[in-house]
Each structure stands twice: as structure tokens, then as C-alpha cells.
Amino acid sequence: MIVLIFLIAHWYLSLFSQTFFLHRYAAHKMFSMSKFWEKIFFIFTFITQGSSYLSPYAYGILHRMHHSYTDTENDPHSPKYDKSIFSMMWRTKELYTAIFDEKIEIESQFKKDIPQWHSFEKIAHHWIARLSWGAFYILFYSFFATSWWMFLLIPIHFIMGPLHGAIINWFAHKFGYRNFNVKDTSVNLMPFDFLMMGEGYHNNHHKNGSRVNFGVKWYELDLAYPIIKILHFIRVIRIRKEVAA
């Protein structure tokens, strides 16, 4: 029971870091925050994503490229140009690494205002940090797992961050329904997106990439949106008026 609670908590905390900080803040600047809170969420993302920590800088650039080049050969992740979800993940990983290591030239439009904290990411992104998180997961399961099959869940923790992205970038361009006829293959995965905290409303997001609430229909509950509203209310962030919903 403890192991399953730990897995669910890791799933949703990591997912919140990705949708709130990496996606809606770093990539789209749907709201603003002070440098103090920005650093707090850098640390929060590192803790919640653990061994699969994703750099807000590299993620933000990748996601902006996805919106600019959706379903073309320049799209960092498109089912149209990859034979499987695993080949897509690997291609995305290669480009992500090249961006993080600054080995390729990036157009200024993709880099503008994306948060960076070089000194912190030298630690958070280092292979020693990733192995340390991995060792923690194995140790946790060694103490609390009550059956052998639970150990099969450990790899999910290792790739949690990229897994969340892959689910959307693969399945939300293949299976689902459309509210809007956009010029790409984006779809909404399900009417009630309880597994991906609003990220599954991919068609809605591709229609209006700056809208802070990913849900459009009355039944499309974006689980991250109420949290964002609370953070706005207590002045941790300030939602931009032009994207408020």
C-alpha cells in the first residue's frame, strides 16, 4: 500500500511540476513570478521529478519548437516521423541533450525569457544526482514493497518526467476527440483528464497555446488550473490578464 501511495504521489507531483513550471511558465509564460519563487520551483521540480529531472530551459525551447513545427520534420516529437513511442522518446532526448549542453544554435524566439539557473542545474542535471535518486527509489521499495511484482514499478520512477511528455506527444496526436479543427493532428485524450492534470486537452492547447486553463468544455476539468488560481490568489504568481480564463 505504501509503495502504491508513493508511486501515485510521485506521478502527480512530477506531473504538476511539468505542467505548471516547465510547460505553462517556462515555455508559455502564462503567468509571472519573482526570482525567489522561480528558484523555489526549480528546487521543487528537482525534488518531484527526481532522477528524471527536466531542465526548464531545455524543455521550454523544445516545447516552443513543437508548437512552431507541429507534425513537420522539424517537430522534436511527432508520431508522423517516428515508428514507435520509444524511438520518439529517444529522438526527443537527443535534441533535449543538445539544447541543454548548448551544442546547437537556437533561434532567439525559442529562448526568449526562458528561466535559467546554471549553478543549480549543474547539480540537478548531473548523472550523480540521477543515480542518487535511483538508489533512493530502490531503497524505498526494498523497505516497503510487500510483493515481488512491486519492484517492476521502479523503472516508472526513473523515467517519470519524459514519460509524461511522451504520453501526450504520442497518444494525444493519435487517439481522442477534437474540439477544434487545427492544422495538426492534436486531439484531446479524454473528456475528464484526471491522469494528466489537463495536459491531455492537447487539441484545446494547440488551438490557443497561451490559454492558462486547458479545459474548454464544461466537463473538461483541468486539475492544475484551480491550483494555479490559488497560487495567483495568494500572490505567489500573477496570471497574465490576456491569458486568464
Protein backbone atom coordinates (compact mmCIF):
# COMPACT_ATOMS: atom_id res chain seq x y z
CA MET A 1 0.00 0.00 0.00
CA ILE A 2 2.80 2.42 0.92
CA VAL A 3 4.55 1.70 -2.37
CA LEU A 4 1.42 2.45 -4.40
CA ILE A 5 0.82 5.69 -2.48
CA PHE A 6 4.44 6.66 -3.17
CA LEU A 7 4.05 5.92 -6.89
CA ILE A 8 0.82 7.92 -7.17
CA ALA A 9 2.30 10.85 -5.22
CA HIS A 10 5.41 10.83 -7.42
CA TRP A 11 3.24 10.67 -10.57
CA TYR A 12 1.12 13.71 -9.69
CA LEU A 13 3.84 15.84 -8.07
CA SER A 14 6.16 15.29 -11.03
CA LEU A 15 3.29 15.95 -13.42
CA PHE A 16 2.39 19.19 -11.63
CA SER A 17 5.98 20.40 -11.89
CA GLN A 18 5.93 19.70 -15.61
CA THR A 19 2.57 21.26 -16.44
CA PHE A 20 2.88 24.23 -14.05
CA PHE A 21 6.55 25.20 -14.10
CA LEU A 22 8.06 23.73 -17.26
CA HIS A 23 5.07 24.00 -19.59
CA ARG A 24 2.81 26.88 -18.59
CA TYR A 25 5.54 29.04 -17.06
CA ALA A 26 8.88 28.31 -18.78
CA ALA A 27 7.54 27.60 -22.27
CA HIS A 28 4.45 29.82 -22.44
CA LYS A 29 4.86 32.49 -19.74
CA MET A 30 1.16 32.30 -18.88
CA PHE A 31 1.98 33.91 -15.53
CA SER A 32 4.85 35.69 -13.83
CA MET A 33 6.64 35.06 -10.56
CA SER A 34 9.52 36.62 -8.65
CA LYS A 35 13.07 35.29 -8.96
CA PHE A 36 12.71 33.95 -5.41
CA TRP A 37 9.68 31.82 -6.31
CA GLU A 38 11.28 30.83 -9.59
CA LYS A 39 14.18 29.31 -7.67
CA ILE A 40 11.77 27.63 -5.25
CA PHE A 41 10.05 25.91 -8.18
CA PHE A 42 13.39 24.93 -9.71
CA ILE A 43 14.09 23.07 -6.47
CA PHE A 44 10.53 21.74 -6.23
CA THR A 45 10.83 20.35 -9.78
CA PHE A 46 14.12 18.67 -8.94
CA ILE A 47 12.62 17.03 -5.84
CA THR A 48 9.40 15.91 -7.50
CA GLN A 49 10.90 14.72 -10.80
CA GLY A 50 13.95 13.19 -9.15
CA SER A 51 16.07 11.04 -11.45
CA SER A 52 14.10 12.22 -14.50
CA TYR A 53 14.58 15.94 -13.77
CA LEU A 54 13.95 18.09 -16.85
CA SER A 55 15.60 21.47 -17.32
CA PRO A 56 13.03 24.29 -17.67
CA TYR A 57 15.37 25.91 -20.20
CA ALA A 58 15.73 22.88 -22.48
CA TYR A 59 12.09 21.83 -22.00
CA GLY A 60 10.84 25.33 -22.78
CA ILE A 61 12.80 25.50 -26.03
CA LEU A 62 11.67 22.01 -27.08
CA HIS A 63 8.05 22.83 -26.43
CA ARG A 64 8.18 26.11 -28.33
CA MET A 65 9.71 24.24 -31.25
CA HIS A 66 6.89 21.69 -31.05
CA HIS A 67 4.29 24.45 -31.40
CA SER A 68 6.14 26.13 -34.27
CA TYR A 69 6.86 22.92 -36.21
CA THR A 70 3.98 20.64 -35.19
CA ASP A 71 3.76 17.50 -37.33
CA THR A 72 6.59 18.54 -39.64
CA GLU A 73 10.07 17.04 -39.92
CA ASN A 74 11.36 19.75 -37.56
CA ASP A 75 8.93 18.79 -34.79
CA PRO A 76 11.01 17.48 -31.83
CA HIS A 77 8.38 14.81 -31.19
CA SER A 78 5.78 13.76 -33.74
CA PRO A 79 4.18 10.34 -34.30
CA LYS A 80 4.25 11.13 -38.02
CA TYR A 81 8.03 10.82 -38.13
CA ASP A 82 8.74 8.11 -35.55
CA LYS A 83 7.92 4.41 -35.82
CA SER A 84 7.21 3.97 -32.10
CA ILE A 85 6.83 5.93 -28.91
CA PHE A 86 10.27 4.70 -27.86
CA SER A 87 12.00 5.99 -30.99
CA MET A 88 10.22 9.32 -30.49
CA MET A 89 11.40 9.49 -26.88
CA TRP A 90 14.97 8.76 -27.94
CA ARG A 91 14.95 11.40 -30.69
CA THR A 92 13.50 13.94 -28.25
CA LYS A 93 16.13 13.01 -25.68
CA GLU A 94 18.94 13.56 -28.20
CA LEU A 95 17.68 17.03 -29.13
CA TYR A 96 16.97 17.89 -25.48
CA THR A 97 20.54 16.98 -24.52
CA ALA A 98 21.99 19.01 -27.39
CA ILE A 99 19.95 22.04 -26.29
CA PHE A 100 20.92 21.66 -22.64
CA ASP A 101 24.61 21.26 -23.49
CA GLU A 102 24.34 24.22 -25.90
CA LYS A 103 25.74 22.18 -28.78
CA ILE A 104 23.29 23.53 -31.35
CA GLU A 105 22.30 27.03 -32.42
CA ILE A 106 18.86 28.04 -31.15
CA GLU A 107 16.83 30.85 -32.68
CA SER A 108 16.20 33.77 -30.31
CA GLN A 109 12.41 33.34 -30.50
CA PHE A 110 12.72 29.98 -28.78
CA LYS A 111 15.00 31.22 -25.99
CA LYS A 112 13.32 34.50 -25.04
CA ASP A 113 12.54 34.85 -21.31
CA ILE A 114 13.02 31.16 -20.52
CA PRO A 115 14.25 30.73 -16.91
CA GLN A 116 17.80 29.53 -16.33
CA TRP A 117 19.74 28.73 -13.15
CA HIS A 118 23.07 27.42 -14.35
CA SER A 119 24.69 26.73 -10.97
CA PHE A 120 21.71 24.73 -9.71
CA GLU A 121 21.27 22.71 -12.88
CA LYS A 122 24.90 21.65 -12.84
CA ILE A 123 23.88 19.70 -9.73
CA ALA A 124 20.27 18.75 -10.55
CA HIS A 125 21.08 17.60 -14.07
CA HIS A 126 24.27 15.70 -13.19
CA TRP A 127 24.40 11.91 -13.55
CA ILE A 128 25.41 11.59 -9.88
CA ALA A 129 22.15 13.25 -8.83
CA ARG A 130 20.17 10.95 -11.12
CA LEU A 131 21.88 7.83 -9.78
CA SER A 132 21.33 9.04 -6.21
CA TRP A 133 17.60 9.39 -6.85
CA GLY A 134 17.58 5.94 -8.44
CA ALA A 135 19.29 4.47 -5.39
CA PHE A 136 16.68 6.14 -3.18
CA TYR A 137 13.80 4.57 -5.16
CA ILE A 138 15.36 1.11 -4.92
CA LEU A 139 16.00 1.53 -1.20
CA PHE A 140 12.44 2.74 -0.61
CA TYR A 141 10.99 -0.29 -2.40
CA SER A 142 13.36 -2.60 -0.52
CA PHE A 143 11.90 -1.36 2.75
CA PHE A 144 8.22 -1.10 1.84
CA ALA A 145 7.46 -3.47 -1.06
CA THR A 146 5.29 -6.35 0.08
CA SER A 147 5.43 -8.38 -3.14
CA TRP A 148 8.00 -9.06 -5.85
CA TRP A 149 5.87 -7.52 -8.61
CA MET A 150 6.08 -4.10 -6.97
CA PHE A 151 9.75 -3.89 -7.97
CA LEU A 152 8.58 -3.86 -11.59
CA LEU A 153 7.22 -0.36 -10.91
CA ILE A 154 10.67 1.13 -10.18
CA PRO A 155 11.50 1.97 -13.84
CA ILE A 156 8.46 4.26 -13.91
CA HIS A 157 10.14 6.43 -11.29
CA PHE A 158 13.36 6.53 -13.31
CA ILE A 159 11.68 7.98 -16.43
CA MET A 160 8.72 9.80 -14.88
CA GLY A 161 9.30 13.23 -16.46
CA PRO A 162 9.96 12.09 -20.05
CA LEU A 163 7.15 9.52 -19.72
CA HIS A 164 4.59 12.23 -19.04
CA GLY A 165 5.73 14.15 -22.10
CA ALA A 166 5.77 11.06 -24.29
CA ILE A 167 2.20 10.10 -23.34
CA ILE A 168 0.93 13.46 -24.58
CA ASN A 169 3.18 13.88 -27.59
CA TRP A 170 2.42 10.37 -28.86
CA PHE A 171 -1.12 9.44 -27.85
CA ALA A 172 -2.59 12.98 -27.94
CA HIS A 173 -1.66 13.12 -31.61
CA LYS A 174 -3.26 9.76 -32.33
CA PHE A 175 -6.26 8.87 -30.15
CA GLY A 176 -9.01 11.12 -28.86
CA TYR A 177 -11.54 13.75 -29.90
CA ARG A 178 -11.22 17.25 -31.32
CA ASN A 179 -12.96 20.44 -30.26
CA PHE A 180 -11.13 22.49 -32.88
CA ASN A 181 -10.07 21.87 -36.47
CA VAL A 182 -6.45 22.96 -36.21
CA LYS A 183 -3.74 22.38 -38.81
CA ASP A 184 -2.17 19.47 -36.96
CA THR A 185 -3.10 16.07 -35.53
CA SER A 186 -3.60 17.16 -31.91
CA VAL A 187 -6.54 15.62 -30.05
CA ASN A 188 -7.93 15.61 -26.52
CA LEU A 189 -7.23 12.25 -24.88
CA MET A 190 -10.33 12.06 -22.70
CA PRO A 191 -13.27 14.25 -21.59
CA PHE A 192 -12.10 14.11 -17.96
CA ASP A 193 -8.33 14.31 -17.81
CA PHE A 194 -7.69 13.02 -14.27
CA LEU A 195 -4.44 11.23 -15.23
CA MET A 196 -2.55 14.13 -16.86
CA MET A 197 -3.79 17.21 -14.95
CA GLY A 198 -5.10 18.99 -18.04
CA GLU A 199 -2.20 18.13 -20.33
CA GLY A 200 -4.44 15.65 -22.13
CA TYR A 201 -6.53 18.51 -23.57
CA HIS A 202 -3.91 18.80 -26.27
CA ASN A 203 -6.22 19.89 -29.07
CA ASN A 204 -7.54 22.72 -26.90
CA HIS A 205 -3.98 23.77 -26.12
CA HIS A 206 -2.89 23.74 -29.76
CA LYS A 207 -5.87 25.93 -30.64
CA ASN A 208 -4.89 28.53 -28.04
CA GLY A 209 -1.38 27.95 -26.73
CA SER A 210 -1.50 30.89 -24.32
CA ARG A 211 -4.73 29.98 -22.50
CA VAL A 212 -3.93 29.12 -18.89
CA ASN A 213 -6.97 26.85 -18.44
CA PHE A 214 -6.56 23.89 -20.80
CA GLY A 215 -10.18 22.81 -20.39
CA VAL A 216 -12.77 24.38 -22.72
CA LYS A 217 -15.99 22.38 -22.38
CA TRP A 218 -17.81 22.41 -19.04
CA TYR A 219 -16.83 18.80 -18.36
CA GLU A 220 -13.15 19.27 -19.26
CA LEU A 221 -11.68 19.75 -15.80
CA ASP A 222 -8.08 20.93 -15.83
CA LEU A 223 -6.86 19.75 -12.41
CA ALA A 224 -3.85 22.08 -12.47
CA TYR A 225 -5.93 25.19 -13.11
CA PRO A 226 -7.52 25.55 -9.62
CA ILE A 227 -4.05 25.21 -8.07
CA ILE A 228 -2.76 27.93 -10.39
CA LYS A 229 -5.69 30.15 -9.38
CA ILE A 230 -4.89 29.61 -5.70
CA LEU A 231 -1.22 30.46 -6.28
CA HIS A 232 -2.38 33.60 -8.06
CA PHE A 233 -4.76 34.48 -5.21
CA ILE A 234 -2.01 34.20 -2.57
CA ARG A 235 0.32 36.19 -4.87
CA VAL A 236 2.93 33.53 -5.47
CA ILE A 237 2.30 34.06 -9.20
CA ARG A 238 0.44 36.63 -11.28
CA ILE A 239 -1.65 35.27 -14.17
CA ARG A 240 -1.37 37.48 -17.22
CA LYS A 241 -4.69 39.20 -17.88
CA GLU A 242 -4.66 38.30 -21.55
CA VAL A 243 -4.46 34.57 -20.81
CA ALA A 244 -6.83 34.39 -17.82
CA ALA A 245 -9.77 32.03 -18.23
